[in-house]
Amino acid sequence: MISTEHREAPRTTRVEDRVSLAEKLAFGVGSLAVFYGISGVGSFAIPVYQMTLKLDPVLLGIALSIPRFLDAIIDPLMGKISDNTHGRWGRRRPYIVLGALLQALFFGAIWMVPTSWSGRSIAGYLVVTQVLFYIGYTMFSVPFNSLGYEMTADYQERTRVWAFWS
């Protein structure tokens, strides 16, 4: 049986801490680019590069892992850059816009590999296009996610904002 002795009274979110439904929906739609950006490459790279382009699995594994190691370095760096930017468009927006464009451009480029190239050339192409893609992805996703935490100071409202992200 659950004790009700230590229950807190329901608390309401102050008007100034509320986030509009439109802002929550926009934040939720933006999260699709975060999700599909990361899972799109992971889901399709093996079937396209190994099964269709017949790239050696060892080369493919190396080509897929190199950009992820770089990502471990550039994500915290992007957070620091974004946190310390003070411009007329805000701390996050310029990076979100530029990152979205780069991410979209290089996501397409990943799949436009010349099929006549050798296995090593194809693996090199994959590494380069993924590195450029993940730079754009980081420029978009790190400031975008940080923006979600800054939308409200209220814990309950922040939970509702992140529910739209999910």
Protein backbone atom coordinates (compact mmCIF):
# COMPACT_ATOMS: atom_id res chain seq x y z
CA MET A 1 0.00 0.00 0.00
CA ILE A 2 1.29 3.46 -0.91
CA SER A 3 1.44 6.02 1.83
CA THR A 4 -0.03 9.43 1.03
CA GLU A 5 1.43 11.23 4.02
CA HIS A 6 4.36 12.83 2.15
CA ARG A 7 2.52 13.89 -0.96
CA GLU A 8 3.09 17.41 -2.16
CA ALA A 9 0.17 19.54 -3.17
CA PRO A 10 -0.18 19.84 -6.95
CA ARG A 11 1.65 22.89 -8.11
CA THR A 12 0.85 25.05 -11.09
CA THR A 13 3.24 26.52 -13.58
CA ARG A 14 3.58 30.28 -13.48
CA VAL A 15 2.27 32.08 -16.55
CA GLU A 16 5.73 33.42 -17.49
CA ASP A 17 7.16 29.87 -17.40
CA ARG A 18 4.57 28.36 -19.74
CA VAL A 19 5.58 27.37 -23.25
CA SER A 20 2.92 27.70 -25.94
CA LEU A 21 1.59 24.68 -27.78
CA ALA A 22 3.00 26.08 -31.04
CA GLU A 23 6.51 26.29 -29.54
CA LYS A 24 6.23 22.76 -28.15
CA LEU A 25 5.08 21.45 -31.53
CA ALA A 26 7.92 23.25 -33.34
CA PHE A 27 10.42 21.79 -30.89
CA GLY A 28 8.90 18.33 -31.40
CA VAL A 29 9.11 18.61 -35.19
CA GLY A 30 12.75 19.70 -34.94
CA SER A 31 13.50 16.58 -32.95
CA LEU A 32 12.68 14.50 -36.03
CA ALA A 33 15.83 15.85 -37.71
CA VAL A 34 17.84 14.85 -34.65
CA PHE A 35 16.38 11.34 -34.60
CA TYR A 36 16.42 10.62 -38.33
CA GLY A 37 19.81 12.22 -38.80
CA ILE A 38 21.51 9.79 -36.48
CA SER A 39 19.45 6.69 -37.17
CA GLY A 40 19.29 7.21 -40.95
CA VAL A 41 23.01 6.77 -41.44
CA GLY A 42 23.19 3.89 -38.97
CA SER A 43 20.23 2.08 -40.52
CA PHE A 44 21.07 2.44 -44.18
CA ALA A 45 24.87 2.51 -44.38
CA ILE A 46 25.37 -1.24 -43.99
CA PRO A 47 22.73 -2.32 -46.53
CA VAL A 48 23.78 0.30 -49.08
CA TYR A 49 27.54 0.13 -48.73
CA GLN A 50 28.03 -3.54 -47.93
CA MET A 51 25.18 -5.30 -49.69
CA THR A 52 24.66 -3.00 -52.67
CA LEU A 53 28.15 -1.55 -53.24
CA LYS A 54 29.91 -4.74 -52.01
CA LEU A 55 32.27 -2.80 -49.71
CA ASP A 56 34.47 -5.03 -47.54
CA PRO A 57 32.85 -5.24 -44.06
CA VAL A 58 36.18 -4.41 -42.36
CA LEU A 59 36.55 -1.23 -44.41
CA LEU A 60 32.91 -0.37 -43.77
CA GLY A 61 33.31 -0.84 -40.02
CA ILE A 62 36.35 1.41 -39.98
CA ALA A 63 34.61 3.99 -42.18
CA LEU A 64 31.56 4.03 -39.91
CA SER A 65 33.57 4.29 -36.68
CA ILE A 66 35.98 7.12 -37.53
CA PRO A 67 33.31 9.85 -37.69
CA ARG A 68 31.79 8.67 -34.41
CA PHE A 69 35.10 9.14 -32.60
CA LEU A 70 35.33 12.63 -34.06
CA ASP A 71 31.75 13.23 -32.91
CA ALA A 72 32.81 12.51 -29.32
CA ILE A 73 35.21 15.45 -29.55
CA ILE A 74 33.13 17.97 -31.47
CA ASP A 75 29.87 17.60 -29.47
CA PRO A 76 31.27 19.09 -26.23
CA LEU A 77 33.18 21.68 -28.26
CA MET A 78 29.97 22.74 -30.00
CA GLY A 79 28.23 23.01 -26.64
CA LYS A 80 30.94 25.35 -25.40
CA ILE A 81 30.82 27.44 -28.58
CA SER A 82 27.03 27.65 -28.48
CA ASP A 83 26.96 28.53 -24.79
CA ASN A 84 29.44 31.37 -25.28
CA THR A 85 27.96 32.91 -28.43
CA HIS A 86 26.30 36.28 -27.98
CA GLY A 87 24.91 37.52 -31.28
CA ARG A 88 21.94 39.45 -32.50
CA TRP A 89 20.12 36.21 -33.42
CA GLY A 90 20.82 34.58 -30.07
CA ARG A 91 23.16 31.89 -28.85
CA ARG A 92 21.59 28.90 -30.55
CA ARG A 93 19.69 29.93 -33.69
CA PRO A 94 22.58 30.60 -36.12
CA TYR A 95 24.08 27.17 -35.39
CA ILE A 96 20.72 25.42 -35.63
CA VAL A 97 20.02 26.95 -39.07
CA LEU A 98 23.53 26.39 -40.48
CA GLY A 99 23.73 22.90 -38.98
CA ALA A 100 20.36 21.91 -40.45
CA LEU A 101 21.48 22.98 -43.92
CA LEU A 102 24.82 21.18 -43.68
CA GLN A 103 23.20 18.08 -42.22
CA ALA A 104 20.65 17.91 -45.05
CA LEU A 105 23.25 18.54 -47.75
CA PHE A 106 25.73 15.93 -46.56
CA PHE A 107 23.09 13.34 -45.66
CA GLY A 108 22.24 13.27 -49.35
CA ALA A 109 25.89 13.23 -50.34
CA ILE A 110 26.55 10.10 -48.26
CA TRP A 111 24.36 8.10 -50.64
CA MET A 112 25.67 9.61 -53.90
CA VAL A 113 28.89 7.62 -54.01
CA PRO A 114 30.30 6.92 -57.48
CA THR A 115 29.81 3.18 -57.97
CA SER A 116 32.80 2.82 -60.31
CA TRP A 117 35.32 3.59 -57.54
CA SER A 118 37.47 1.03 -55.75
CA GLY A 119 36.55 -0.25 -52.29
CA ARG A 120 39.10 1.98 -50.55
CA SER A 121 37.93 5.04 -52.47
CA ILE A 122 34.32 4.30 -51.55
CA ALA A 123 35.32 3.87 -47.89
CA GLY A 124 37.24 7.15 -48.01
CA TYR A 125 34.24 8.88 -49.59
CA LEU A 126 32.03 7.52 -46.82
CA VAL A 127 34.40 8.78 -44.11
CA VAL A 128 34.62 12.29 -45.61
CA THR A 129 30.89 12.68 -46.23
CA GLN A 130 30.05 11.32 -42.77
CA VAL A 131 32.52 13.66 -41.07
CA LEU A 132 30.93 16.61 -42.87
CA PHE A 133 27.45 15.28 -42.07
CA TYR A 134 28.26 14.83 -38.37
CA ILE A 135 29.71 18.33 -38.17
CA GLY A 136 26.38 19.64 -39.49
CA TYR A 137 24.50 17.24 -37.22
CA THR A 138 26.42 18.47 -34.19
CA MET A 139 25.94 22.11 -35.17
CA PHE A 140 22.19 21.43 -35.29
CA SER A 141 21.54 18.93 -32.51
CA VAL A 142 23.66 20.26 -29.65
CA PRO A 143 22.26 23.83 -29.70
CA PHE A 144 18.78 22.51 -30.50
CA ASN A 145 18.76 20.21 -27.49
CA SER A 146 20.22 22.97 -25.32
CA LEU A 147 17.42 25.24 -26.45
CA GLY A 148 14.93 22.71 -25.11
CA TYR A 149 16.35 23.06 -21.61
CA GLU A 150 16.24 26.84 -21.82
CA MET A 151 12.62 27.18 -22.94
CA THR A 152 11.35 27.32 -19.37
CA ALA A 153 12.69 27.37 -15.85
CA ASP A 154 9.76 25.34 -14.53
CA TYR A 155 10.48 21.65 -13.99
CA GLN A 156 6.98 20.43 -14.85
CA GLU A 157 6.72 22.60 -17.96
CA ARG A 158 10.18 21.45 -19.09
CA THR A 159 8.95 17.87 -18.75
CA ARG A 160 5.99 18.71 -20.99
CA VAL A 161 8.32 20.37 -23.54
CA TRP A 162 10.52 17.28 -23.67
CA ALA A 163 7.46 15.08 -24.06
CA PHE A 164 6.96 16.75 -27.45
CA TRP A 165 10.60 16.02 -28.30
CA SER A 166 10.02 12.36 -27.55
